[in-house]
C-alpha cells in the first residue's frame, strides 16, 4: 500500500522545463512518516503519509525520539542534462541523516544528546548519478528533534521542510542565499553587538555618571548571547540544559533593559532594582520546578511578562520626559519602543511560524536597533566628554587666574604689612629722636656758653627735626613747603650778609609733596645755600621757583667768583655737588650746575611731582 502511494506521489510531481532550456527543480511536499531509531527506514513499523513541511509543534507536540521520512521522485527528466543533482532542505530541526535509495549520503552532526542544532542551518546534499534511477528514487531522512513542550521556542521544535531536487549549481546558489540570511548575518550581528556591548560596559564602569552605558552594554551582550542560539550548532549541553540557560538569560536582559531606561532618564528606584534582581532567580527556579515537559508553557508565560516590563519602562520614560527633555528622549524612547515591538514578534514565534519576511525582521531588526542606539549613545558620550574637557580647561583657566589673583593679593598684603611695620618703626624712631636726642640738643643750645657749640647744636637740632619729619611720612602741601624754604633761605643769606631774592608762585598751589621729597629737597637747598655762603664770595643770590608740566624747578644763581679752574671741570667732586645730584636722582629728578670764573654759579634743580600728589 505504501509503495503504491509513493509511486502515485512521484508521478504527481511535474517535471517541466524552465525558460531558457534549463530544468526546473522539483519540490517534494508529500512523504511517508514512521517512528523509530533504526539504522534504515523502518518498513515493518506502521507509517502514514504527511505533508511537508511537517512541524512537530502541530503534528506531534509531545513525541520523543527520531522520525523517519520517505519521499519518492522520478529523475528521468533531470538526468538528461548530465548535470549533478542536489537536494536542498531549507529547514530540518534539530539534525538529520539523508539516504538515497538505501545509501547514506549525508550526516549533519550528532544525532544523540547533545543533538547538533541545525534548525537555522539549511542543508545541501549532492545526489550521485550512480545511485539515481530513472523512476521511483527514494529519499529517506531520519530527523532527530525535540517536542514543542521541551523547547522554549517554536523555532526549535522538531520538523522538516519541503524538499527540493534540482541541478546542484542552482541548489547551491539557493543554499548560499539562505545560509547568508539565516546564519552568516546573525553571526555578524551577534559579533557586532558583543563588541559594542563590551565597549559600552567598559565606558559605563569607568564613568560612574554614565552607568546607563554599562546597562546598555549588558543588554547588548545578553541579546548577542541569546541570538547565538540561532547559529551555534554544537552546544556542549543537553537540550533541556541549553533551553534552560537561554530562558534564564532573558530576565538578565530585561534587568539590563529596564535599568538602562531608568538610568538614562536619571531615575533610580530601589524597589524596582530589587524586584528585577529577584526575578533573575525566580525565573530559572520556576522552570526547574515545572520540569522539561512544561518548559515551553512556562517560557512563553515569562517571555510575555518580561516584554510587558520593558514596554512599561519605555512608556514611563516617554511619559515622564515628554515635557522636560522631549528632543533628547524622543529618539531613544522611539528606538526602545520599536525594539519592544520587534521583541513581540520574537515572542509571537514561540506560538507558531511566521512568514519568512517577518521571521527575518524579528531576527535582524532588534540587533540593528541595538547597534544604532549604541552608536548614538557612544556619540552622546563623546560629545559629553568634549564638553567636559572644555569645561575642565575653562575651570583650569579660572583656577589659574584665581591663583594669580590670590598671589597678587598676597603680595600686596605682604607689602602692605611690611609698609605698615616700616611706618610704625619710623614713627617709633622719630618719637625716640624727638623725645630723647631732641631734648638733649635743645638743652645744649640753651645752656652752652660756647657759641660754636651752641650753633652746632642748633644746626643738629634742625637737621634732626627734618629727619623726624621725613620719618613720620606725612605729606606736605607744596605751597607750605615753598614758604618754609623761602624763610630759611632768606634768613640764612641775610645772616651771612648777602642780599637774597626769592621768586615763587604766590597763588594757591594745589600740589602735595611726599615727606621724602620734602626732606630731600630741603637738604639740596641747604647744601646749595651753604656752598654759596662758604665758597662763592657773592653779595647777592637769586632763587626762582616755577611749576610746569608736572615738574617744579629751582634756579639758584649767585654773583660770586664761580667754581675755580683747578677743579678741571669736575664739579661733582667739590662743594657737595655729588650729594646734591645723588639726592635729585633718588627723586627721579636732576641737578645741573653751570659755573665759570667771574660769572658766578647757577644751580638748576628739576624734580617731578608725583602723580598722586595733587590734592583733591
Protein backbone atom coordinates (compact mmCIF):
# COMPACT_ATOMS: atom_id res chain seq x y z
CA UNK A 1 0.00 0.00 0.00
CA UNK A 2 2.83 2.37 0.90
CA UNK A 3 4.63 1.57 -2.35
CA UNK A 4 1.54 2.39 -4.39
CA UNK A 5 1.13 5.70 -2.56
CA UNK A 6 4.77 6.68 -3.11
CA UNK A 7 4.57 5.82 -6.80
CA UNK A 8 1.46 7.97 -7.16
CA UNK A 9 3.15 10.82 -5.31
CA UNK A 10 6.22 10.62 -7.52
CA UNK A 11 4.19 10.67 -10.72
CA UNK A 12 2.17 13.58 -9.39
CA UNK A 13 5.25 15.84 -9.23
CA UNK A 14 5.55 17.83 -12.50
CA UNK A 15 8.82 17.95 -14.38
CA UNK A 16 8.56 20.97 -16.63
CA UNK A 17 11.49 22.59 -18.40
CA UNK A 18 12.33 26.09 -17.21
CA UNK A 19 12.54 29.07 -19.50
CA UNK A 20 15.74 29.22 -21.48
CA UNK A 21 16.05 25.44 -21.82
CA UNK A 22 17.04 24.80 -18.17
CA UNK A 23 15.47 22.28 -15.82
CA UNK A 24 13.06 23.40 -13.15
CA UNK A 25 13.73 21.87 -9.70
CA UNK A 26 11.04 19.60 -8.36
CA UNK A 27 9.54 20.15 -4.91
CA UNK A 28 8.60 17.18 -2.76
CA UNK A 29 5.70 18.06 -0.48
CA UNK A 30 4.47 14.50 0.30
CA UNK A 31 6.24 11.81 2.30
CA UNK A 32 5.69 8.74 4.40
CA UNK A 33 6.43 9.12 8.09
CA UNK A 34 7.36 6.46 10.63
CA UNK A 35 8.67 6.47 14.17
CA UNK A 36 11.80 4.59 15.14
CA UNK A 37 15.51 4.80 15.88
CA UNK A 38 16.61 2.10 13.44
CA UNK A 39 19.53 2.35 11.03
CA UNK A 40 17.22 2.28 7.97
CA UNK A 41 13.67 3.30 7.23
CA UNK A 42 11.51 1.03 9.46
CA UNK A 43 9.37 -0.76 6.86
CA UNK A 44 7.85 -3.05 9.47
CA UNK A 45 6.73 -0.11 11.60
CA UNK A 46 3.39 1.50 10.83
CA UNK A 47 3.80 4.55 8.59
CA UNK A 48 1.43 7.24 7.44
CA UNK A 49 1.50 9.97 4.79
CA UNK A 50 2.36 13.53 5.85
CA UNK A 51 2.57 16.85 4.06
CA UNK A 52 5.80 18.77 4.03
CA UNK A 53 6.67 20.97 5.77
CA UNK A 54 5.89 18.85 8.82
CA UNK A 55 6.09 20.88 12.04
CA UNK A 56 6.18 18.71 15.14
CA UNK A 57 4.76 21.60 17.15
CA UNK A 58 1.47 20.96 15.33
CA UNK A 59 1.55 17.30 14.32
CA UNK A 60 3.28 15.66 17.32
CA UNK A 61 3.95 18.25 20.11
CA UNK A 62 4.73 15.55 22.72
CA UNK A 63 6.60 12.97 20.66
CA UNK A 64 10.04 11.84 21.83
CA UNK A 65 12.52 10.11 19.59
CA UNK A 66 13.59 10.26 15.90
CA UNK A 67 11.15 10.36 12.98
CA UNK A 68 11.80 8.84 9.56
CA UNK A 69 10.57 10.47 6.33
CA UNK A 70 10.48 8.79 2.91
CA UNK A 71 9.85 10.74 -0.28
CA UNK A 72 9.92 9.47 -3.88
CA UNK A 73 10.77 11.25 -7.14
CA UNK A 74 11.49 10.43 -10.78
CA UNK A 75 14.86 11.61 -12.11
CA UNK A 76 14.40 10.77 -15.77
CA UNK A 77 13.69 14.36 -16.74
CA UNK A 78 16.59 15.71 -14.62
CA UNK A 79 19.31 13.24 -15.61
CA UNK A 80 19.02 14.14 -19.25
CA UNK A 81 21.03 17.30 -18.64
CA UNK A 82 24.03 15.32 -17.42
CA UNK A 83 24.46 17.76 -14.52
CA UNK A 84 24.97 16.74 -10.91
CA UNK A 85 21.76 16.86 -8.91
CA UNK A 86 21.37 18.24 -5.44
CA UNK A 87 18.88 18.02 -2.60
CA UNK A 88 18.10 21.24 -0.78
CA UNK A 89 16.48 21.13 2.69
CA UNK A 90 15.51 24.59 3.87
CA UNK A 91 14.89 23.56 7.47
CA UNK A 92 15.50 20.44 9.49
CA UNK A 93 15.31 20.59 13.26
CA UNK A 94 17.38 19.64 15.02
CA UNK A 95 19.51 17.30 12.89
CA UNK A 96 19.17 14.73 10.12
CA UNK A 97 20.71 11.82 8.22
CA UNK A 98 19.95 11.60 4.48
CA UNK A 99 19.78 8.32 2.47
CA UNK A 100 19.30 7.90 -1.28
CA UNK A 101 17.92 4.53 -2.37
CA UNK A 102 19.17 2.96 0.86
CA UNK A 103 22.68 4.53 0.78
CA UNK A 104 23.74 7.05 3.50
CA UNK A 105 24.79 10.32 1.82
CA UNK A 106 24.78 12.99 4.49
CA UNK A 107 25.03 13.35 8.28
CA UNK A 108 24.78 16.97 9.53
CA UNK A 109 26.03 16.29 13.07
CA UNK A 110 25.31 14.40 16.26
CA UNK A 111 22.03 12.50 16.27
CA UNK A 112 22.01 11.86 20.04
CA UNK A 113 22.16 14.19 23.02
CA UNK A 114 23.52 16.71 22.83
CA UNK A 115 21.98 16.77 19.35
CA UNK A 116 23.53 19.15 16.85
CA UNK A 117 21.34 22.23 16.49
CA UNK A 118 20.70 22.74 12.77
CA UNK A 119 17.27 24.41 12.91
CA UNK A 120 18.60 27.62 11.29
CA UNK A 121 21.13 25.88 9.03
CA UNK A 122 19.85 24.92 5.56
CA UNK A 123 21.20 21.61 4.25
CA UNK A 124 22.61 20.85 0.79
CA UNK A 125 23.20 17.22 -0.27
CA UNK A 126 24.78 16.10 -3.56
CA UNK A 127 22.93 13.22 -5.24
CA UNK A 128 25.43 10.99 -7.08
CA UNK A 129 24.21 9.94 -10.52
CA UNK A 130 25.41 6.38 -9.91
CA UNK A 131 22.76 5.94 -7.19
CA UNK A 132 19.92 7.53 -9.14
CA UNK A 133 17.27 5.60 -11.07
CA UNK A 134 15.03 6.96 -13.77
CA UNK A 135 11.95 6.34 -11.67
CA UNK A 136 10.95 5.77 -8.06
CA UNK A 137 14.04 7.14 -6.34
CA UNK A 138 13.61 7.05 -2.57
CA UNK A 139 14.98 9.72 -0.25
CA UNK A 140 14.93 8.60 3.40
CA UNK A 141 15.59 11.25 6.05
CA UNK A 142 15.99 10.42 9.71
CA UNK A 143 15.25 13.50 11.85
CA UNK A 144 16.29 13.78 15.49
CA UNK A 145 14.45 16.62 17.21
CA UNK A 146 12.60 17.74 20.30
CA UNK A 147 8.89 18.13 21.02
CA UNK A 148 7.43 21.59 21.45
CA UNK A 149 6.78 21.13 25.16
CA UNK A 150 10.52 20.59 25.76
CA UNK A 151 11.79 23.73 23.97
CA UNK A 152 11.22 27.38 24.81
CA UNK A 153 10.60 28.49 21.23
CA UNK A 154 8.55 27.08 18.39
CA UNK A 155 11.57 27.64 16.16
CA UNK A 156 13.49 24.92 17.98
CA UNK A 157 10.75 22.29 17.90
CA UNK A 158 11.38 19.30 15.58
CA UNK A 159 10.29 19.41 11.97
CA UNK A 160 11.18 19.03 8.33
CA UNK A 161 10.57 21.49 5.48
CA UNK A 162 9.61 20.64 1.91
CA UNK A 163 12.40 19.06 -0.17
CA UNK A 164 13.77 20.40 -3.46
CA UNK A 165 15.67 18.35 -6.03
CA UNK A 166 17.35 20.01 -8.97
CA UNK A 167 20.65 20.89 -10.61
CA UNK A 168 23.33 21.11 -7.96
CA UNK A 169 24.56 24.56 -9.01
CA UNK A 170 21.11 26.06 -8.67
CA UNK A 171 20.54 24.34 -5.33
CA UNK A 172 23.96 25.59 -4.15
CA UNK A 173 23.05 29.20 -5.03
CA UNK A 174 19.83 28.97 -3.05
CA UNK A 175 21.65 27.29 -0.17
CA UNK A 176 24.24 30.10 -0.11
CA UNK A 177 21.49 32.75 -0.04
CA UNK A 178 19.57 31.04 2.76
CA UNK A 179 22.77 30.37 4.72
CA UNK A 180 23.79 34.04 4.50
CA UNK A 181 20.39 35.18 5.76
CA UNK A 182 19.89 32.54 8.47
CA UNK A 183 23.47 32.03 9.69
CA UNK A 184 26.11 34.48 8.44
CA UNK A 185 24.10 37.64 9.03
CA UNK A 186 23.05 36.68 12.60
CA UNK A 187 26.67 35.77 13.33
CA UNK A 188 27.89 39.17 12.13
CA UNK A 189 25.21 41.00 14.09
CA UNK A 190 25.94 39.00 17.25
CA UNK A 191 29.66 39.76 16.95
CA UNK A 192 28.92 43.45 16.41
CA UNK A 193 26.58 43.51 19.42
CA UNK A 194 29.16 41.75 21.57
CA UNK A 195 31.92 44.22 20.64
CA UNK A 196 29.65 47.23 21.07
CA UNK A 197 28.30 45.89 24.37
CA UNK A 198 31.76 45.26 25.73
CA UNK A 199 32.90 48.76 24.82
CA UNK A 200 29.83 50.40 26.36
CA UNK A 201 30.16 48.32 29.52
CA UNK A 202 33.77 49.44 29.89
CA UNK A 203 32.76 53.09 29.41
CA UNK A 204 29.94 52.75 31.93
CA UNK A 205 32.11 51.06 34.54
CA UNK A 206 34.88 53.67 34.21
CA UNK A 207 32.43 56.60 34.41
CA UNK A 208 30.10 56.39 37.39
CA UNK A 209 27.91 59.15 35.98
CA UNK A 210 27.41 57.15 32.79
CA UNK A 211 26.15 53.91 34.34
CA UNK A 212 23.34 53.73 31.79
CA UNK A 213 26.06 52.86 29.25
CA UNK A 214 27.04 49.84 31.35
CA UNK A 215 23.44 48.62 31.45
CA UNK A 216 23.00 49.08 27.71
CA UNK A 217 26.28 47.23 27.17
CA UNK A 218 24.95 44.38 29.31
CA UNK A 219 21.71 44.44 27.30
CA UNK A 220 23.66 44.18 24.03
CA UNK A 221 25.86 41.37 25.33
CA UNK A 222 22.84 39.50 26.65
CA UNK A 223 20.99 39.76 23.37
CA UNK A 224 24.12 38.67 21.49
CA UNK A 225 24.21 35.57 23.69
CA UNK A 226 20.52 34.84 23.08
CA UNK A 227 20.79 35.26 19.31
CA UNK A 228 23.86 33.00 19.28
CA UNK A 229 21.35 30.15 19.65
CA UNK A 230 20.40 30.79 16.00
CA UNK A 231 23.81 29.84 14.63
CA UNK A 232 25.60 27.96 17.39
CA UNK A 233 25.18 24.35 16.19
CA UNK A 234 27.05 22.25 18.73
CA UNK A 235 26.34 23.40 22.25
CA UNK A 236 28.09 21.18 24.83
CA UNK A 237 24.86 20.77 26.83
CA UNK A 238 21.82 18.54 26.54
CA UNK A 239 18.77 20.20 25.04
CA UNK A 240 16.96 20.80 28.36
CA UNK A 241 20.02 22.41 29.95
CA UNK A 242 20.65 24.59 26.89
CA UNK A 243 16.98 25.72 26.76
CA UNK A 244 17.03 26.43 30.49
CA UNK A 245 20.17 28.54 30.06
CA UNK A 246 18.68 30.56 27.19
CA UNK A 247 15.43 31.27 29.04
CA UNK A 248 17.36 32.15 32.23
CA UNK A 249 19.28 34.80 30.27
CA UNK A 250 16.08 36.65 29.40
CA UNK A 251 15.41 38.11 32.92
CA UNK A 252 19.02 39.33 32.91
CA UNK A 253 18.43 41.00 29.55
CA UNK A 254 15.19 42.51 30.92
CA UNK A 255 17.01 43.78 34.01
CA UNK A 256 19.62 45.47 31.83
CA UNK A 257 16.92 46.99 29.58
CA UNK A 258 14.78 48.38 32.42
CA UNK A 259 17.77 49.67 34.38
CA UNK A 260 19.10 51.32 31.25
CA UNK A 261 15.79 53.09 30.70
CA UNK A 262 15.66 54.26 34.34
CA UNK A 263 19.30 55.39 34.47
CA UNK A 264 19.05 57.09 31.09
CA UNK A 265 16.14 59.15 32.41
CA UNK A 266 18.06 59.94 35.60
CA UNK A 267 15.83 57.80 37.85
CA UNK A 268 16.78 55.23 40.46
CA UNK A 269 14.08 53.15 42.14
CA UNK A 270 15.47 50.74 44.74
CA UNK A 271 12.33 48.60 44.88
CA UNK A 272 12.33 48.09 41.10
CA UNK A 273 16.01 47.14 41.13
CA UNK A 274 15.42 44.63 43.95
CA UNK A 275 12.45 43.10 42.11
CA UNK A 276 14.44 42.75 38.89
CA UNK A 277 17.32 41.02 40.63
CA UNK A 278 14.91 38.71 42.46
CA UNK A 279 13.24 37.89 39.15
CA UNK A 280 16.58 36.63 37.79
CA UNK A 281 16.45 33.88 40.44
CA UNK A 282 12.69 33.22 40.27
CA UNK A 283 12.58 32.50 36.50
CA UNK A 284 15.05 29.58 36.46
CA UNK A 285 13.55 28.29 39.73
CA UNK A 286 10.06 28.05 38.20
CA UNK A 287 11.46 26.33 35.11
CA UNK A 288 13.25 23.78 37.25
CA UNK A 289 10.13 23.15 39.32
CA UNK A 290 7.94 22.84 36.21
CA UNK A 291 10.29 20.32 34.63
CA UNK A 292 11.11 19.57 31.00
CA UNK A 293 7.54 18.80 29.92
CA UNK A 294 6.30 22.29 30.91
CA UNK A 295 9.30 24.25 29.62
CA UNK A 296 7.53 25.75 26.60
CA UNK A 297 4.44 26.85 28.54
CA UNK A 298 6.41 28.47 31.37
CA UNK A 299 8.90 30.10 28.98
CA UNK A 300 6.10 31.62 26.90
CA UNK A 301 4.45 32.97 30.03
CA UNK A 302 7.67 34.50 31.30
CA UNK A 303 8.50 35.99 27.88
CA UNK A 304 5.17 37.81 27.92
CA UNK A 305 5.78 39.12 31.46
CA UNK A 306 9.32 40.29 30.63
CA UNK A 307 8.15 42.01 27.46
CA UNK A 308 5.42 43.77 29.42
CA UNK A 309 8.00 45.04 31.94
CA UNK A 310 10.17 46.53 29.20
CA UNK A 311 7.14 48.10 27.49
CA UNK A 312 6.01 49.68 30.79
CA UNK A 313 9.52 51.06 31.41
CA UNK A 314 9.72 52.57 27.93
CA UNK A 315 6.20 54.02 28.25
CA UNK A 316 7.08 55.57 31.59
CA UNK A 317 10.25 57.05 30.08
CA UNK A 318 8.34 58.72 27.25
CA UNK A 319 5.60 59.98 29.58
CA UNK A 320 7.92 61.36 32.27
CA UNK A 321 10.25 63.18 29.88
CA UNK A 322 7.73 64.44 27.34
CA UNK A 323 7.59 67.96 28.81
CA UNK A 324 11.17 68.24 30.04
CA UNK A 325 13.64 66.57 27.68
CA UNK A 326 11.42 65.80 24.72
CA UNK A 327 14.02 66.16 22.00
CA UNK A 328 16.63 64.03 23.72
CA UNK A 329 14.32 61.26 24.87
CA UNK A 330 12.08 61.00 21.82
CA UNK A 331 14.67 59.29 19.64
CA UNK A 332 15.86 56.91 22.35
CA UNK A 333 12.32 56.13 23.51
CA UNK A 334 11.12 55.52 19.97
CA UNK A 335 14.02 53.16 19.33
CA UNK A 336 13.30 51.25 22.51
CA UNK A 337 9.59 51.12 21.71
CA UNK A 338 10.39 49.75 18.27
CA UNK A 339 12.67 47.17 19.86
CA UNK A 340 9.83 46.18 22.19
CA UNK A 341 7.50 45.69 19.20
CA UNK A 342 10.11 43.59 17.46
CA UNK A 343 10.59 41.57 20.64
CA UNK A 344 6.84 40.98 20.47
CA UNK A 345 7.35 39.43 17.04
CA UNK A 346 10.06 37.25 18.53
CA UNK A 347 7.66 36.05 21.22
CA UNK A 348 4.94 35.53 18.62
CA UNK A 349 7.19 32.95 17.01
CA UNK A 350 7.10 30.96 20.20
CA UNK A 351 3.45 30.15 19.37
CA UNK A 352 3.80 29.36 15.70
CA UNK A 353 5.65 30.03 12.43
CA UNK A 354 5.79 33.44 10.81
CA UNK A 355 6.25 34.31 7.17
CA UNK A 356 9.89 34.37 6.05
CA UNK A 357 9.95 38.18 5.85
CA UNK A 358 8.58 38.64 9.36
CA UNK A 359 10.90 35.97 10.70
CA UNK A 360 13.93 37.72 9.21
CA UNK A 361 12.68 41.03 10.58
CA UNK A 362 12.39 39.64 14.10
CA UNK A 363 15.87 38.13 13.92
CA UNK A 364 17.67 41.13 12.43
CA UNK A 365 15.76 44.28 13.31
CA UNK A 366 16.29 44.11 17.08
CA UNK A 367 20.10 43.81 16.81
CA UNK A 368 20.14 46.61 14.23
CA UNK A 369 18.12 48.84 16.59
CA UNK A 370 20.54 47.97 19.40
CA UNK A 371 23.56 48.79 17.25
CA UNK A 372 22.04 52.11 16.14
CA UNK A 373 21.13 53.03 19.72
CA UNK A 374 24.59 52.02 20.94
CA UNK A 375 26.27 54.19 18.31
CA UNK A 376 24.06 57.10 19.30
CA UNK A 377 24.93 56.61 22.98
CA UNK A 378 28.61 56.46 22.07
CA UNK A 379 28.23 59.70 20.12
CA UNK A 380 26.48 61.35 23.06
CA UNK A 381 29.21 60.14 25.38
CA UNK A 382 31.85 61.57 23.06
CA UNK A 383 30.10 64.94 22.96
CA UNK A 384 29.74 64.87 26.75
CA UNK A 385 33.47 64.17 27.07
CA UNK A 386 34.23 67.06 24.73
CA UNK A 387 32.01 69.42 26.72
CA UNK A 388 33.55 68.13 29.96
CA UNK A 389 37.05 68.68 28.61
CA UNK A 390 36.18 72.20 27.51
CA UNK A 391 34.65 72.83 30.94
CA UNK A 392 37.76 71.41 32.61
CA UNK A 393 40.00 73.68 30.55
CA UNK A 394 37.79 76.66 31.38
CA UNK A 395 37.86 75.74 35.05
CA UNK A 396 41.62 75.28 34.94
CA UNK A 397 41.98 78.73 33.37
CA UNK A 398 39.72 80.24 36.03
CA UNK A 399 41.67 78.47 38.76
CA UNK A 400 44.89 79.77 37.24
CA UNK A 401 43.51 83.31 37.14
CA UNK A 402 42.19 82.99 40.68
CA UNK A 403 45.55 81.66 41.85
CA UNK A 404 47.35 84.57 40.19
CA UNK A 405 44.89 86.98 41.78
CA UNK A 406 45.42 85.38 45.19
CA UNK A 407 49.18 85.61 44.72
CA UNK A 408 48.89 89.27 43.76
CA UNK A 409 46.67 89.97 46.73
CA UNK A 410 49.06 88.09 48.99
CA UNK A 411 51.99 90.07 47.63
CA UNK A 412 50.09 93.31 48.12
CA UNK A 413 49.09 92.28 51.61
CA UNK A 414 52.69 91.34 52.36
CA UNK A 415 53.93 94.66 51.00
CA UNK A 416 51.22 96.47 52.92
CA UNK A 417 52.20 94.57 56.04
CA UNK A 418 55.87 95.47 55.53
CA UNK A 419 54.89 99.08 54.85
CA UNK A 420 52.77 99.17 57.98
CA UNK A 421 55.57 97.69 60.07
CA UNK A 422 58.06 100.08 58.49
CA UNK A 423 55.76 103.02 59.08
CA UNK A 424 55.26 102.02 62.69
CA UNK A 425 59.03 101.63 63.15
CA UNK A 426 59.70 105.01 61.51
CA UNK A 427 57.25 106.65 63.86
CA UNK A 428 58.86 104.92 66.83
CA UNK A 429 62.36 106.06 65.77
CA UNK A 430 61.05 109.58 65.10
CA UNK A 431 59.45 109.67 68.52
CA UNK A 432 62.66 108.45 70.16
CA UNK A 433 64.74 111.06 68.30
CA UNK A 434 62.35 113.85 69.16
CA UNK A 435 61.90 112.92 72.80
CA UNK A 436 65.44 111.86 73.61
CA UNK A 437 68.02 113.34 71.24
CA UNK A 438 65.95 116.46 70.55
CA UNK A 439 65.62 117.23 74.24
CA UNK A 440 69.36 116.86 74.78
CA UNK A 441 70.27 119.08 71.82
CA UNK A 442 67.82 121.71 72.95
CA UNK A 443 69.41 121.65 76.42
CA UNK A 444 72.84 122.16 74.85
CA UNK A 445 71.56 125.13 72.81
CA UNK A 446 70.22 126.93 75.89
CA UNK A 447 72.91 126.05 78.43
CA UNK A 448 76.18 126.06 76.50
CA UNK A 449 78.43 129.11 76.95
CA UNK A 450 80.42 128.26 73.86
CA UNK A 451 78.86 129.98 70.86
CA UNK A 452 80.29 127.49 68.42
CA UNK A 453 78.92 124.52 70.36
CA UNK A 454 75.57 126.23 70.66
CA UNK A 455 75.47 126.87 66.90
CA UNK A 456 76.39 123.28 66.05
CA UNK A 457 73.78 122.02 68.46
CA UNK A 458 71.15 124.27 66.88
CA UNK A 459 72.08 123.03 63.39
CA UNK A 460 71.95 119.42 64.58
CA UNK A 461 68.57 120.08 66.15
CA UNK A 462 67.25 121.48 62.87
CA UNK A 463 68.63 118.50 60.94
CA UNK A 464 67.13 116.10 63.46
CA UNK A 465 63.73 117.80 63.15
CA UNK A 466 63.94 117.48 59.36
CA UNK A 467 64.79 113.76 59.66
CA UNK A 468 61.94 113.23 62.09
CA UNK A 469 59.59 114.91 59.67
CA UNK A 470 60.75 112.57 56.93
CA UNK A 471 60.31 109.56 59.17
CA UNK A 472 56.74 110.43 60.03
CA UNK A 473 55.84 110.15 56.33
CA UNK A 474 53.23 112.89 56.40
CA UNK A 475 52.75 114.64 53.05
CA UNK A 476 53.28 118.44 52.86
CA UNK A 477 51.40 120.98 50.79
CA UNK A 478 53.76 122.40 48.19
CA UNK A 479 52.73 125.97 48.96
CA UNK A 480 53.64 125.40 52.63
CA UNK A 481 56.97 123.83 51.66
CA UNK A 482 57.77 126.84 49.48
CA UNK A 483 57.05 129.12 52.42
CA UNK A 484 59.37 127.13 54.72
CA UNK A 485 62.15 127.08 52.16
CA UNK A 486 61.81 130.83 51.46
CA UNK A 487 62.00 131.69 55.12
CA UNK A 488 65.06 129.51 55.73
CA UNK A 489 66.96 130.56 52.60
CA UNK A 490 66.35 134.31 53.01
CA UNK A 491 67.17 134.11 56.71
CA UNK A 492 70.46 132.31 56.18
CA UNK A 493 71.53 134.65 53.38
CA UNK A 494 70.68 137.66 55.48
CA UNK A 495 72.68 136.32 58.42
CA UNK A 496 75.62 135.84 56.06
CA UNK A 497 75.36 139.48 54.84
CA UNK A 498 74.07 138.63 51.41
CA UNK A 499 71.09 140.06 49.63
CA UNK A 500 68.55 137.32 48.99
CA UNK A 501 65.85 137.47 46.36
CA UNK A 502 63.11 134.78 46.27
CA UNK A 503 60.59 134.31 43.49
CA UNK A 504 57.87 131.63 43.63
CA UNK A 505 54.18 131.19 42.80
CA UNK A 506 52.02 133.22 45.15
CA UNK A 507 48.65 131.82 44.05
CA UNK A 508 47.13 128.78 45.71
CA UNK A 509 49.23 125.77 44.65
CA UNK A 510 47.19 122.51 44.94
CA UNK A 511 50.07 120.06 44.69
CA UNK A 512 51.35 117.99 47.58
CA UNK A 513 54.87 116.76 48.36
CA UNK A 514 55.65 113.47 49.98
CA UNK A 515 57.61 113.61 53.17
CA UNK A 516 60.60 112.06 51.41
CA UNK A 517 60.56 114.62 48.57
CA UNK A 518 60.24 117.47 51.11
CA UNK A 519 63.22 116.26 53.17
CA UNK A 520 65.48 115.60 50.19
CA UNK A 521 64.62 118.92 48.53
CA UNK A 522 65.25 120.77 51.80
CA UNK A 523 68.66 119.16 52.10
CA UNK A 524 69.55 120.02 48.49
CA UNK A 525 68.58 123.67 49.07
CA UNK A 526 70.54 123.77 52.33
CA UNK A 527 73.62 122.34 50.62
CA UNK A 528 73.32 124.83 47.77
CA UNK A 529 72.92 127.82 50.15
CA UNK A 530 75.80 126.56 52.30
CA UNK A 531 78.05 126.39 49.24
CA UNK A 532 77.12 129.94 48.24
CA UNK A 533 77.76 131.28 51.73
CA UNK A 534 81.05 129.42 52.22
CA UNK A 535 82.69 129.43 48.79
CA UNK A 536 81.14 131.87 46.32
CA UNK A 537 82.08 135.23 47.80
CA UNK A 538 78.86 136.54 46.33
CA UNK A 539 76.91 139.56 47.56
CA UNK A 540 73.63 138.56 46.04
CA UNK A 541 71.71 135.32 45.48
CA UNK A 542 68.52 134.85 43.50
CA UNK A 543 66.20 131.88 43.88
CA UNK A 544 63.39 131.34 41.36
CA UNK A 545 60.82 128.52 41.63
CA UNK A 546 58.48 127.54 38.79
CA UNK A 547 55.89 124.75 38.29
CA UNK A 548 55.19 123.44 34.81
CA UNK A 549 54.16 120.16 33.15
CA UNK A 550 54.20 118.09 36.31
CA UNK A 551 57.65 119.31 37.46
CA UNK A 552 58.80 122.01 39.78
CA UNK A 553 62.17 123.67 39.23
CA UNK A 554 64.54 125.73 41.35
CA UNK A 555 67.09 128.00 39.73
CA UNK A 556 69.65 129.25 42.28
CA UNK A 557 72.05 131.91 40.94
CA UNK A 558 74.75 133.92 42.69
CA UNK A 559 77.07 136.68 41.50
CA UNK A 560 80.16 135.21 43.10
CA UNK A 561 83.52 134.15 41.77
CA UNK A 562 82.35 130.84 40.42
CA UNK A 563 84.00 127.48 40.77
CA UNK A 564 87.83 127.56 40.46
CA UNK A 565 89.55 126.24 37.31
CA UNK A 566 91.72 123.88 39.30
CA UNK A 567 88.72 121.57 39.72
CA UNK A 568 89.16 120.94 36.00
CA UNK A 569 85.51 120.85 35.31
CA UNK A 570 84.94 118.03 37.77
CA UNK A 571 82.13 119.76 39.60
CA UNK A 572 80.85 116.62 41.23
CA UNK A 573 83.96 116.33 43.35
CA UNK A 574 83.64 119.60 45.24
CA UNK A 575 81.31 121.69 47.30
CA UNK A 576 78.84 118.81 47.99
CA UNK A 577 77.74 118.73 44.39
CA UNK A 578 77.75 114.92 44.25
CA UNK A 579 75.39 114.60 47.23
CA UNK A 580 73.02 117.15 45.66
CA UNK A 581 72.92 115.27 42.38
CA UNK A 582 72.55 111.95 44.17
CA UNK A 583 69.55 113.20 46.15
CA UNK A 584 67.94 114.61 42.99
CA UNK A 585 68.44 111.29 41.22
CA UNK A 586 66.74 109.44 44.09
CA UNK A 587 63.70 111.64 43.47
CA UNK A 588 63.78 110.83 39.70
CA UNK A 589 65.00 114.38 39.01
CA UNK A 590 68.23 116.06 38.11
CA UNK A 591 70.57 118.72 39.40
CA UNK A 592 72.68 120.69 36.89
CA UNK A 593 75.50 123.09 37.81
CA UNK A 594 76.69 125.85 35.47
CA UNK A 595 79.70 127.93 36.53
CA UNK A 596 82.68 129.87 35.27
CA UNK A 597 85.30 132.08 36.89
CA UNK A 598 83.94 135.59 37.32
CA UNK A 599 80.42 134.66 36.23
CA UNK A 600 79.03 133.14 39.41
CA UNK A 601 77.26 129.80 39.70
CA UNK A 602 73.83 128.64 38.54
CA UNK A 603 72.23 125.51 40.04
CA UNK A 604 69.18 124.10 38.23
CA UNK A 605 67.19 121.60 40.27
CA UNK A 606 64.28 119.85 38.48
CA UNK A 607 62.07 117.42 40.41
CA UNK A 608 58.90 115.63 39.23
CA UNK A 609 55.69 115.97 41.14
CA UNK A 610 54.29 112.54 41.94
CA UNK A 611 51.02 111.65 40.07
CA UNK A 612 49.11 111.17 43.30
CA UNK A 613 50.49 114.30 44.88
CA UNK A 614 47.68 116.58 43.69
CA UNK A 615 45.21 117.42 46.39
CA UNK A 616 41.52 116.86 45.83
